[in-house]
ModelCIF file with pLDDT and N, C-alpha, C, O atoms, coordinates in Angstrom:
data_MODEL
#
_entry.id   MODEL 
#
_entity.id                         1 
_entity.type                       polymer 
_entity.pdbx_number_of_molecules   1 
#
_entity_poly.entity_id                      1 
_entity_poly.type                           'polypeptide(L)' 
_entity_poly.nstd_linkage                   no 
_entity_poly.nstd_monomer                   no 
_entity_poly.pdbx_seq_one_letter_code       
;(UNK)(UNK)(UNK)(UNK)(UNK)(UNK)(UNK)(UNK)(UNK)(UNK)(UNK)(UNK)(UNK)(UNK)(UNK)(UNK)
(UNK)(UNK)(UNK)(UNK)(UNK)(UNK)(UNK)(UNK)(UNK)(UNK)(UNK)(UNK)(UNK)(UNK)(UNK)(UNK)
(UNK)(UNK)(UNK)(UNK)(UNK)(UNK)(UNK)(UNK)(UNK)
;
_entity_poly.pdbx_seq_one_letter_code_can   XXXXXXXXXXXXXXXXXXXXXXXXXXXXXXXXXXXXXXXXX 
_entity_poly.pdbx_strand_id                 A 
#
loop_
_entity_poly_seq.entity_id 
_entity_poly_seq.num 
_entity_poly_seq.mon_id 
_entity_poly_seq.hetero 
1 1  UNK n 
1 2  UNK n 
1 3  UNK n 
1 4  UNK n 
1 5  UNK n 
1 6  UNK n 
1 7  UNK n 
1 8  UNK n 
1 9  UNK n 
1 10 UNK n 
1 11 UNK n 
1 12 UNK n 
1 13 UNK n 
1 14 UNK n 
1 15 UNK n 
1 16 UNK n 
1 17 UNK n 
1 18 UNK n 
1 19 UNK n 
1 20 UNK n 
1 21 UNK n 
1 22 UNK n 
1 23 UNK n 
1 24 UNK n 
1 25 UNK n 
1 26 UNK n 
1 27 UNK n 
1 28 UNK n 
1 29 UNK n 
1 30 UNK n 
1 31 UNK n 
1 32 UNK n 
1 33 UNK n 
1 34 UNK n 
1 35 UNK n 
1 36 UNK n 
1 37 UNK n 
1 38 UNK n 
1 39 UNK n 
1 40 UNK n 
1 41 UNK n 
#
_struct_asym.id          A 
_struct_asym.entity_id   1 
#
loop_
_ma_qa_metric.id 
_ma_qa_metric.mode 
_ma_qa_metric.name 
_ma_qa_metric.software_group_id 
_ma_qa_metric.type 
1 global pLDDT . pLDDT 
2 local  pLDDT . pLDDT 
#
_ma_qa_metric_global.metric_id      1 
_ma_qa_metric_global.metric_value   96.32 
_ma_qa_metric_global.model_id       1 
_ma_qa_metric_global.ordinal_id     1 
#
loop_
_ma_qa_metric_local.label_asym_id 
_ma_qa_metric_local.label_comp_id 
_ma_qa_metric_local.label_seq_id 
_ma_qa_metric_local.metric_id 
_ma_qa_metric_local.metric_value 
_ma_qa_metric_local.model_id 
_ma_qa_metric_local.ordinal_id 
A UNK 1  2 94.00 1 1  
A UNK 2  2 87.00 1 2  
A UNK 3  2 90.00 1 3  
A UNK 4  2 93.00 1 4  
A UNK 5  2 97.00 1 5  
A UNK 6  2 98.00 1 6  
A UNK 7  2 98.00 1 7  
A UNK 8  2 98.00 1 8  
A UNK 9  2 98.00 1 9  
A UNK 10 2 98.00 1 10 
A UNK 11 2 98.00 1 11 
A UNK 12 2 98.00 1 12 
A UNK 13 2 97.00 1 13 
A UNK 14 2 96.00 1 14 
A UNK 15 2 96.00 1 15 
A UNK 16 2 97.00 1 16 
A UNK 17 2 97.00 1 17 
A UNK 18 2 97.00 1 18 
A UNK 19 2 95.00 1 19 
A UNK 20 2 96.00 1 20 
A UNK 21 2 98.00 1 21 
A UNK 22 2 98.00 1 22 
A UNK 23 2 97.00 1 23 
A UNK 24 2 97.00 1 24 
A UNK 25 2 98.00 1 25 
A UNK 26 2 97.00 1 26 
A UNK 27 2 97.00 1 27 
A UNK 28 2 96.00 1 28 
A UNK 29 2 97.00 1 29 
A UNK 30 2 95.00 1 30 
A UNK 31 2 95.00 1 31 
A UNK 32 2 95.00 1 32 
A UNK 33 2 96.00 1 33 
A UNK 34 2 96.00 1 34 
A UNK 35 2 95.00 1 35 
A UNK 36 2 97.00 1 36 
A UNK 37 2 98.00 1 37 
A UNK 38 2 98.00 1 38 
A UNK 39 2 98.00 1 39 
A UNK 40 2 97.00 1 40 
A UNK 41 2 96.00 1 41 
#
loop_
_atom_site.group_PDB 
_atom_site.id 
_atom_site.type_symbol 
_atom_site.label_atom_id 
_atom_site.label_alt_id 
_atom_site.label_comp_id 
_atom_site.label_asym_id 
_atom_site.label_entity_id 
_atom_site.label_seq_id 
_atom_site.pdbx_PDB_ins_code 
_atom_site.Cartn_x 
_atom_site.Cartn_y 
_atom_site.Cartn_z 
_atom_site.occupancy 
_atom_site.B_iso_or_equiv 
_atom_site.pdbx_formal_charge 
_atom_site.auth_seq_id 
_atom_site.auth_comp_id 
_atom_site.auth_asym_id 
_atom_site.auth_atom_id 
_atom_site.pdbx_PDB_model_num 
ATOM 1   N N  . UNK A 1 1  ? 104.246 100.316 116.590 1.00 94.00 ? 1  UNK A N  1 
ATOM 2   C CA . UNK A 1 1  ? 104.249 101.651 117.068 1.00 94.00 ? 1  UNK A CA 1 
ATOM 3   C C  . UNK A 1 1  ? 103.239 101.281 118.288 1.00 94.00 ? 1  UNK A C  1 
ATOM 4   O O  . UNK A 1 1  ? 103.068 102.125 119.169 1.00 94.00 ? 1  UNK A O  1 
ATOM 5   N N  . UNK A 1 2  ? 102.489 99.877  118.357 1.00 87.00 ? 2  UNK A N  1 
ATOM 6   C CA . UNK A 1 2  ? 101.304 99.708  119.133 1.00 87.00 ? 2  UNK A CA 1 
ATOM 7   C C  . UNK A 1 2  ? 100.293 100.891 119.161 1.00 87.00 ? 2  UNK A C  1 
ATOM 8   O O  . UNK A 1 2  ? 100.189 101.968 118.574 1.00 87.00 ? 2  UNK A O  1 
ATOM 9   N N  . UNK A 1 3  ? 99.400  100.020 120.370 1.00 90.00 ? 3  UNK A N  1 
ATOM 10  C CA . UNK A 1 3  ? 97.876  100.975 120.699 1.00 90.00 ? 3  UNK A CA 1 
ATOM 11  C C  . UNK A 1 3  ? 97.047  100.982 119.423 1.00 90.00 ? 3  UNK A C  1 
ATOM 12  O O  . UNK A 1 3  ? 96.855  99.825  119.049 1.00 90.00 ? 3  UNK A O  1 
ATOM 13  N N  . UNK A 1 4  ? 96.614  101.689 118.805 1.00 93.00 ? 4  UNK A N  1 
ATOM 14  C CA . UNK A 1 4  ? 95.539  101.809 117.702 1.00 93.00 ? 4  UNK A CA 1 
ATOM 15  C C  . UNK A 1 4  ? 96.430  101.173 116.553 1.00 93.00 ? 4  UNK A C  1 
ATOM 16  O O  . UNK A 1 4  ? 97.617  100.894 116.720 1.00 93.00 ? 4  UNK A O  1 
ATOM 17  N N  . UNK A 1 5  ? 95.618  100.942 115.174 1.00 97.00 ? 5  UNK A N  1 
ATOM 18  C CA . UNK A 1 5  ? 95.845  100.715 113.836 1.00 97.00 ? 5  UNK A CA 1 
ATOM 19  C C  . UNK A 1 5  ? 96.660  102.064 113.499 1.00 97.00 ? 5  UNK A C  1 
ATOM 20  O O  . UNK A 1 5  ? 96.443  103.013 114.253 1.00 97.00 ? 5  UNK A O  1 
ATOM 21  N N  . UNK A 1 6  ? 97.517  102.236 112.510 1.00 98.00 ? 6  UNK A N  1 
ATOM 22  C CA . UNK A 1 6  ? 98.099  103.388 111.765 1.00 98.00 ? 6  UNK A CA 1 
ATOM 23  C C  . UNK A 1 6  ? 98.072  103.425 110.705 1.00 98.00 ? 6  UNK A C  1 
ATOM 24  O O  . UNK A 1 6  ? 97.843  102.362 110.128 1.00 98.00 ? 6  UNK A O  1 
ATOM 25  N N  . UNK A 1 7  ? 98.275  104.572 109.950 1.00 98.00 ? 7  UNK A N  1 
ATOM 26  C CA . UNK A 1 7  ? 97.787  104.862 108.396 1.00 98.00 ? 7  UNK A CA 1 
ATOM 27  C C  . UNK A 1 7  ? 99.187  105.578 107.876 1.00 98.00 ? 7  UNK A C  1 
ATOM 28  O O  . UNK A 1 7  ? 99.848  106.503 108.347 1.00 98.00 ? 7  UNK A O  1 
ATOM 29  N N  . UNK A 1 8  ? 99.326  104.891 106.900 1.00 98.00 ? 8  UNK A N  1 
ATOM 30  C CA . UNK A 1 8  ? 100.561 105.575 106.194 1.00 98.00 ? 8  UNK A CA 1 
ATOM 31  C C  . UNK A 1 8  ? 99.906  105.839 104.623 1.00 98.00 ? 8  UNK A C  1 
ATOM 32  O O  . UNK A 1 8  ? 99.256  104.995 104.007 1.00 98.00 ? 8  UNK A O  1 
ATOM 33  N N  . UNK A 1 9  ? 100.231 107.194 104.139 1.00 98.00 ? 9  UNK A N  1 
ATOM 34  C CA . UNK A 1 9  ? 99.577  107.567 102.838 1.00 98.00 ? 9  UNK A CA 1 
ATOM 35  C C  . UNK A 1 9  ? 100.725 107.822 102.007 1.00 98.00 ? 9  UNK A C  1 
ATOM 36  O O  . UNK A 1 9  ? 101.667 108.519 102.383 1.00 98.00 ? 9  UNK A O  1 
ATOM 37  N N  . UNK A 1 10 ? 100.629 107.046 100.439 1.00 98.00 ? 10 UNK A N  1 
ATOM 38  C CA . UNK A 1 10 ? 101.225 107.836 99.774  1.00 98.00 ? 10 UNK A CA 1 
ATOM 39  C C  . UNK A 1 10 ? 101.021 108.499 98.743  1.00 98.00 ? 10 UNK A C  1 
ATOM 40  O O  . UNK A 1 10 ? 101.031 107.820 97.716  1.00 98.00 ? 10 UNK A O  1 
ATOM 41  N N  . UNK A 1 11 ? 100.821 109.683 98.604  1.00 98.00 ? 11 UNK A N  1 
ATOM 42  C CA . UNK A 1 11 ? 100.184 110.425 97.227  1.00 98.00 ? 11 UNK A CA 1 
ATOM 43  C C  . UNK A 1 11 ? 101.254 110.936 96.017  1.00 98.00 ? 11 UNK A C  1 
ATOM 44  O O  . UNK A 1 11 ? 102.404 110.498 96.026  1.00 98.00 ? 11 UNK A O  1 
ATOM 45  N N  . UNK A 1 12 ? 100.878 111.734 95.145  1.00 98.00 ? 12 UNK A N  1 
ATOM 46  C CA . UNK A 1 12 ? 101.666 111.733 94.076  1.00 98.00 ? 12 UNK A CA 1 
ATOM 47  C C  . UNK A 1 12 ? 100.806 111.573 92.865  1.00 98.00 ? 12 UNK A C  1 
ATOM 48  O O  . UNK A 1 12 ? 99.866  110.784 92.956  1.00 98.00 ? 12 UNK A O  1 
ATOM 49  N N  . UNK A 1 13 ? 101.018 112.278 91.632  1.00 97.00 ? 13 UNK A N  1 
ATOM 50  C CA . UNK A 1 13 ? 101.081 112.585 90.368  1.00 97.00 ? 13 UNK A CA 1 
ATOM 51  C C  . UNK A 1 13 ? 100.023 111.127 89.585  1.00 97.00 ? 13 UNK A C  1 
ATOM 52  O O  . UNK A 1 13 ? 99.822  110.307 90.481  1.00 97.00 ? 13 UNK A O  1 
ATOM 53  N N  . UNK A 1 14 ? 99.509  110.768 88.533  1.00 96.00 ? 14 UNK A N  1 
ATOM 54  C CA . UNK A 1 14 ? 99.110  109.452 88.341  1.00 96.00 ? 14 UNK A CA 1 
ATOM 55  C C  . UNK A 1 14 ? 100.259 109.010 87.721  1.00 96.00 ? 14 UNK A C  1 
ATOM 56  O O  . UNK A 1 14 ? 100.905 109.741 86.971  1.00 96.00 ? 14 UNK A O  1 
ATOM 57  N N  . UNK A 1 15 ? 100.623 107.663 88.018  1.00 96.00 ? 15 UNK A N  1 
ATOM 58  C CA . UNK A 1 15 ? 101.506 107.408 87.208  1.00 96.00 ? 15 UNK A CA 1 
ATOM 59  C C  . UNK A 1 15 ? 103.257 107.677 87.912  1.00 96.00 ? 15 UNK A C  1 
ATOM 60  O O  . UNK A 1 15 ? 104.391 107.719 87.435  1.00 96.00 ? 15 UNK A O  1 
ATOM 61  N N  . UNK A 1 16 ? 102.768 107.785 89.003  1.00 97.00 ? 16 UNK A N  1 
ATOM 62  C CA . UNK A 1 16 ? 104.248 108.692 89.884  1.00 97.00 ? 16 UNK A CA 1 
ATOM 63  C C  . UNK A 1 16 ? 104.875 107.323 90.384  1.00 97.00 ? 16 UNK A C  1 
ATOM 64  O O  . UNK A 1 16 ? 106.103 107.324 90.472  1.00 97.00 ? 16 UNK A O  1 
ATOM 65  N N  . UNK A 1 17 ? 104.206 106.150 90.727  1.00 97.00 ? 17 UNK A N  1 
ATOM 66  C CA . UNK A 1 17 ? 105.125 105.153 91.458  1.00 97.00 ? 17 UNK A CA 1 
ATOM 67  C C  . UNK A 1 17 ? 104.300 104.726 92.677  1.00 97.00 ? 17 UNK A C  1 
ATOM 68  O O  . UNK A 1 17 ? 104.505 103.769 93.424  1.00 97.00 ? 17 UNK A O  1 
ATOM 69  N N  . UNK A 1 18 ? 103.194 105.763 92.724  1.00 97.00 ? 18 UNK A N  1 
ATOM 70  C CA . UNK A 1 18 ? 102.542 105.395 94.278  1.00 97.00 ? 18 UNK A CA 1 
ATOM 71  C C  . UNK A 1 18 ? 102.015 103.604 94.542  1.00 97.00 ? 18 UNK A C  1 
ATOM 72  O O  . UNK A 1 18 ? 102.136 103.008 95.612  1.00 97.00 ? 18 UNK A O  1 
ATOM 73  N N  . UNK A 1 19 ? 101.410 103.002 93.214  1.00 95.00 ? 19 UNK A N  1 
ATOM 74  C CA . UNK A 1 19 ? 101.047 101.971 93.679  1.00 95.00 ? 19 UNK A CA 1 
ATOM 75  C C  . UNK A 1 19 ? 102.025 101.077 93.600  1.00 95.00 ? 19 UNK A C  1 
ATOM 76  O O  . UNK A 1 19 ? 101.851 100.164 94.406  1.00 95.00 ? 19 UNK A O  1 
ATOM 77  N N  . UNK A 1 20 ? 103.103 100.957 92.873  1.00 96.00 ? 20 UNK A N  1 
ATOM 78  C CA . UNK A 1 20 ? 104.103 100.451 92.826  1.00 96.00 ? 20 UNK A CA 1 
ATOM 79  C C  . UNK A 1 20 ? 104.686 100.240 94.278  1.00 96.00 ? 20 UNK A C  1 
ATOM 80  O O  . UNK A 1 20 ? 104.557 99.124  94.783  1.00 96.00 ? 20 UNK A O  1 
ATOM 81  N N  . UNK A 1 21 ? 105.308 101.226 94.967  1.00 98.00 ? 21 UNK A N  1 
ATOM 82  C CA . UNK A 1 21 ? 105.948 101.315 96.478  1.00 98.00 ? 21 UNK A CA 1 
ATOM 83  C C  . UNK A 1 21 ? 105.117 100.833 97.359  1.00 98.00 ? 21 UNK A C  1 
ATOM 84  O O  . UNK A 1 21 ? 105.519 99.966  98.135  1.00 98.00 ? 21 UNK A O  1 
ATOM 85  N N  . UNK A 1 22 ? 103.644 101.352 97.421  1.00 98.00 ? 22 UNK A N  1 
ATOM 86  C CA . UNK A 1 22 ? 102.942 100.303 98.505  1.00 98.00 ? 22 UNK A CA 1 
ATOM 87  C C  . UNK A 1 22 ? 102.865 99.079  97.959  1.00 98.00 ? 22 UNK A C  1 
ATOM 88  O O  . UNK A 1 22 ? 102.771 98.230  98.844  1.00 98.00 ? 22 UNK A O  1 
ATOM 89  N N  . UNK A 1 23 ? 102.866 98.697  97.039  1.00 97.00 ? 23 UNK A N  1 
ATOM 90  C CA . UNK A 1 23 ? 102.589 97.254  96.644  1.00 97.00 ? 23 UNK A CA 1 
ATOM 91  C C  . UNK A 1 23 ? 104.350 96.389  97.588  1.00 97.00 ? 23 UNK A C  1 
ATOM 92  O O  . UNK A 1 23 ? 104.369 95.373  98.284  1.00 97.00 ? 23 UNK A O  1 
ATOM 93  N N  . UNK A 1 24 ? 105.439 97.221  97.242  1.00 97.00 ? 24 UNK A N  1 
ATOM 94  C CA . UNK A 1 24 ? 106.771 96.509  97.742  1.00 97.00 ? 24 UNK A CA 1 
ATOM 95  C C  . UNK A 1 24 ? 106.451 96.613  99.027  1.00 97.00 ? 24 UNK A C  1 
ATOM 96  O O  . UNK A 1 24 ? 106.635 95.540  99.601  1.00 97.00 ? 24 UNK A O  1 
ATOM 97  N N  . UNK A 1 25 ? 105.997 97.565  99.811  1.00 98.00 ? 25 UNK A N  1 
ATOM 98  C CA . UNK A 1 25 ? 106.049 97.699  100.929 1.00 98.00 ? 25 UNK A CA 1 
ATOM 99  C C  . UNK A 1 25 ? 105.417 96.925  101.514 1.00 98.00 ? 25 UNK A C  1 
ATOM 100 O O  . UNK A 1 25 ? 106.022 96.433  102.466 1.00 98.00 ? 25 UNK A O  1 
ATOM 101 N N  . UNK A 1 26 ? 104.254 96.522  101.337 1.00 97.00 ? 26 UNK A N  1 
ATOM 102 C CA . UNK A 1 26 ? 103.167 95.521  101.832 1.00 97.00 ? 26 UNK A CA 1 
ATOM 103 C C  . UNK A 1 26 ? 103.968 94.462  101.833 1.00 97.00 ? 26 UNK A C  1 
ATOM 104 O O  . UNK A 1 26 ? 104.475 94.300  102.944 1.00 97.00 ? 26 UNK A O  1 
ATOM 105 N N  . UNK A 1 27 ? 104.380 93.457  100.822 1.00 97.00 ? 27 UNK A N  1 
ATOM 106 C CA . UNK A 1 27 ? 105.176 92.349  100.409 1.00 97.00 ? 27 UNK A CA 1 
ATOM 107 C C  . UNK A 1 27 ? 106.260 92.221  101.157 1.00 97.00 ? 27 UNK A C  1 
ATOM 108 O O  . UNK A 1 27 ? 106.682 91.094  101.416 1.00 97.00 ? 27 UNK A O  1 
ATOM 109 N N  . UNK A 1 28 ? 106.964 93.497  101.684 1.00 96.00 ? 28 UNK A N  1 
ATOM 110 C CA . UNK A 1 28 ? 108.207 93.319  102.464 1.00 96.00 ? 28 UNK A CA 1 
ATOM 111 C C  . UNK A 1 28 ? 107.464 92.970  104.076 1.00 96.00 ? 28 UNK A C  1 
ATOM 112 O O  . UNK A 1 28 ? 107.667 92.072  104.892 1.00 96.00 ? 28 UNK A O  1 
ATOM 113 N N  . UNK A 1 29 ? 106.545 94.133  104.055 1.00 97.00 ? 29 UNK A N  1 
ATOM 114 C CA . UNK A 1 29 ? 106.701 94.361  105.634 1.00 97.00 ? 29 UNK A CA 1 
ATOM 115 C C  . UNK A 1 29 ? 105.579 92.751  105.843 1.00 97.00 ? 29 UNK A C  1 
ATOM 116 O O  . UNK A 1 29 ? 105.746 92.266  106.962 1.00 97.00 ? 29 UNK A O  1 
ATOM 117 N N  . UNK A 1 30 ? 104.926 92.245  105.280 1.00 95.00 ? 30 UNK A N  1 
ATOM 118 C CA . UNK A 1 30 ? 104.233 91.119  105.170 1.00 95.00 ? 30 UNK A CA 1 
ATOM 119 C C  . UNK A 1 30 ? 104.551 89.944  105.049 1.00 95.00 ? 30 UNK A C  1 
ATOM 120 O O  . UNK A 1 30 ? 103.776 88.989  104.991 1.00 95.00 ? 30 UNK A O  1 
ATOM 121 N N  . UNK A 1 31 ? 105.958 89.919  104.993 1.00 95.00 ? 31 UNK A N  1 
ATOM 122 C CA . UNK A 1 31 ? 107.151 88.747  105.020 1.00 95.00 ? 31 UNK A CA 1 
ATOM 123 C C  . UNK A 1 31 ? 107.618 88.701  106.546 1.00 95.00 ? 31 UNK A C  1 
ATOM 124 O O  . UNK A 1 31 ? 107.688 87.680  107.231 1.00 95.00 ? 31 UNK A O  1 
ATOM 125 N N  . UNK A 1 32 ? 107.877 89.805  106.886 1.00 95.00 ? 32 UNK A N  1 
ATOM 126 C CA . UNK A 1 32 ? 108.476 90.214  108.160 1.00 95.00 ? 32 UNK A CA 1 
ATOM 127 C C  . UNK A 1 32 ? 107.442 90.120  109.302 1.00 95.00 ? 32 UNK A C  1 
ATOM 128 O O  . UNK A 1 32 ? 107.784 89.644  110.384 1.00 95.00 ? 32 UNK A O  1 
ATOM 129 N N  . UNK A 1 33 ? 105.915 90.657  109.044 1.00 96.00 ? 33 UNK A N  1 
ATOM 130 C CA . UNK A 1 33 ? 104.924 90.900  109.928 1.00 96.00 ? 33 UNK A CA 1 
ATOM 131 C C  . UNK A 1 33 ? 104.138 90.292  109.378 1.00 96.00 ? 33 UNK A C  1 
ATOM 132 O O  . UNK A 1 33 ? 103.386 91.048  108.763 1.00 96.00 ? 33 UNK A O  1 
ATOM 133 N N  . UNK A 1 34 ? 103.834 89.034  109.235 1.00 96.00 ? 34 UNK A N  1 
ATOM 134 C CA . UNK A 1 34 ? 102.472 88.413  108.256 1.00 96.00 ? 34 UNK A CA 1 
ATOM 135 C C  . UNK A 1 34 ? 101.167 88.727  109.073 1.00 96.00 ? 34 UNK A C  1 
ATOM 136 O O  . UNK A 1 34 ? 100.978 88.616  110.284 1.00 96.00 ? 34 UNK A O  1 
ATOM 137 N N  . UNK A 1 35 ? 100.485 89.066  108.273 1.00 95.00 ? 35 UNK A N  1 
ATOM 138 C CA . UNK A 1 35 ? 98.896  89.302  108.528 1.00 95.00 ? 35 UNK A CA 1 
ATOM 139 C C  . UNK A 1 35 ? 98.447  90.839  109.499 1.00 95.00 ? 35 UNK A C  1 
ATOM 140 O O  . UNK A 1 35 ? 97.316  91.141  109.878 1.00 95.00 ? 35 UNK A O  1 
ATOM 141 N N  . UNK A 1 36 ? 99.488  91.468  109.675 1.00 97.00 ? 36 UNK A N  1 
ATOM 142 C CA . UNK A 1 36 ? 99.913  93.103  110.183 1.00 97.00 ? 36 UNK A CA 1 
ATOM 143 C C  . UNK A 1 36 ? 99.680  94.174  109.503 1.00 97.00 ? 36 UNK A C  1 
ATOM 144 O O  . UNK A 1 36 ? 99.361  95.304  109.873 1.00 97.00 ? 36 UNK A O  1 
ATOM 145 N N  . UNK A 1 37 ? 99.924  93.591  108.149 1.00 98.00 ? 37 UNK A N  1 
ATOM 146 C CA . UNK A 1 37 ? 99.769  95.012  106.897 1.00 98.00 ? 37 UNK A CA 1 
ATOM 147 C C  . UNK A 1 37 ? 98.709  94.807  105.965 1.00 98.00 ? 37 UNK A C  1 
ATOM 148 O O  . UNK A 1 37 ? 98.540  93.766  105.329 1.00 98.00 ? 37 UNK A O  1 
ATOM 149 N N  . UNK A 1 38 ? 97.887  95.992  105.891 1.00 98.00 ? 38 UNK A N  1 
ATOM 150 C CA . UNK A 1 38 ? 96.996  95.798  104.435 1.00 98.00 ? 38 UNK A CA 1 
ATOM 151 C C  . UNK A 1 38 ? 97.248  97.304  103.457 1.00 98.00 ? 38 UNK A C  1 
ATOM 152 O O  . UNK A 1 38 ? 97.908  98.294  103.773 1.00 98.00 ? 38 UNK A O  1 
ATOM 153 N N  . UNK A 1 39 ? 96.625  97.100  102.448 1.00 98.00 ? 39 UNK A N  1 
ATOM 154 C CA . UNK A 1 39 ? 96.915  97.892  101.185 1.00 98.00 ? 39 UNK A CA 1 
ATOM 155 C C  . UNK A 1 39 ? 95.283  98.107  101.063 1.00 98.00 ? 39 UNK A C  1 
ATOM 156 O O  . UNK A 1 39 ? 94.430  97.220  101.082 1.00 98.00 ? 39 UNK A O  1 
ATOM 157 N N  . UNK A 1 40 ? 95.092  99.490  100.939 1.00 97.00 ? 40 UNK A N  1 
ATOM 158 C CA . UNK A 1 40 ? 93.808  100.191 100.476 1.00 97.00 ? 40 UNK A CA 1 
ATOM 159 C C  . UNK A 1 40 ? 94.211  101.131 99.762  1.00 97.00 ? 40 UNK A C  1 
ATOM 160 O O  . UNK A 1 40 ? 95.094  101.919 100.100 1.00 97.00 ? 40 UNK A O  1 
ATOM 161 N N  . UNK A 1 41 ? 93.417  101.150 98.370  1.00 96.00 ? 41 UNK A N  1 
ATOM 162 C CA . UNK A 1 41 ? 93.688  102.211 97.431  1.00 96.00 ? 41 UNK A CA 1 
ATOM 163 C C  . UNK A 1 41 ? 92.670  103.417 97.564  1.00 96.00 ? 41 UNK A C  1 
ATOM 164 O O  . UNK A 1 41 ? 92.775  104.398 96.828  1.00 96.00 ? 41 UNK A O  1 
#
């Protein structure tokens, strides 16, 4: 999107799959956009 950094949040109950989905997105995006995505829990 450009400009400032952007925040994507994933919510859900414990063990619903939040961490797994977030990690998959970071791995996928990190492969195509190295150094431009970070994961914060």
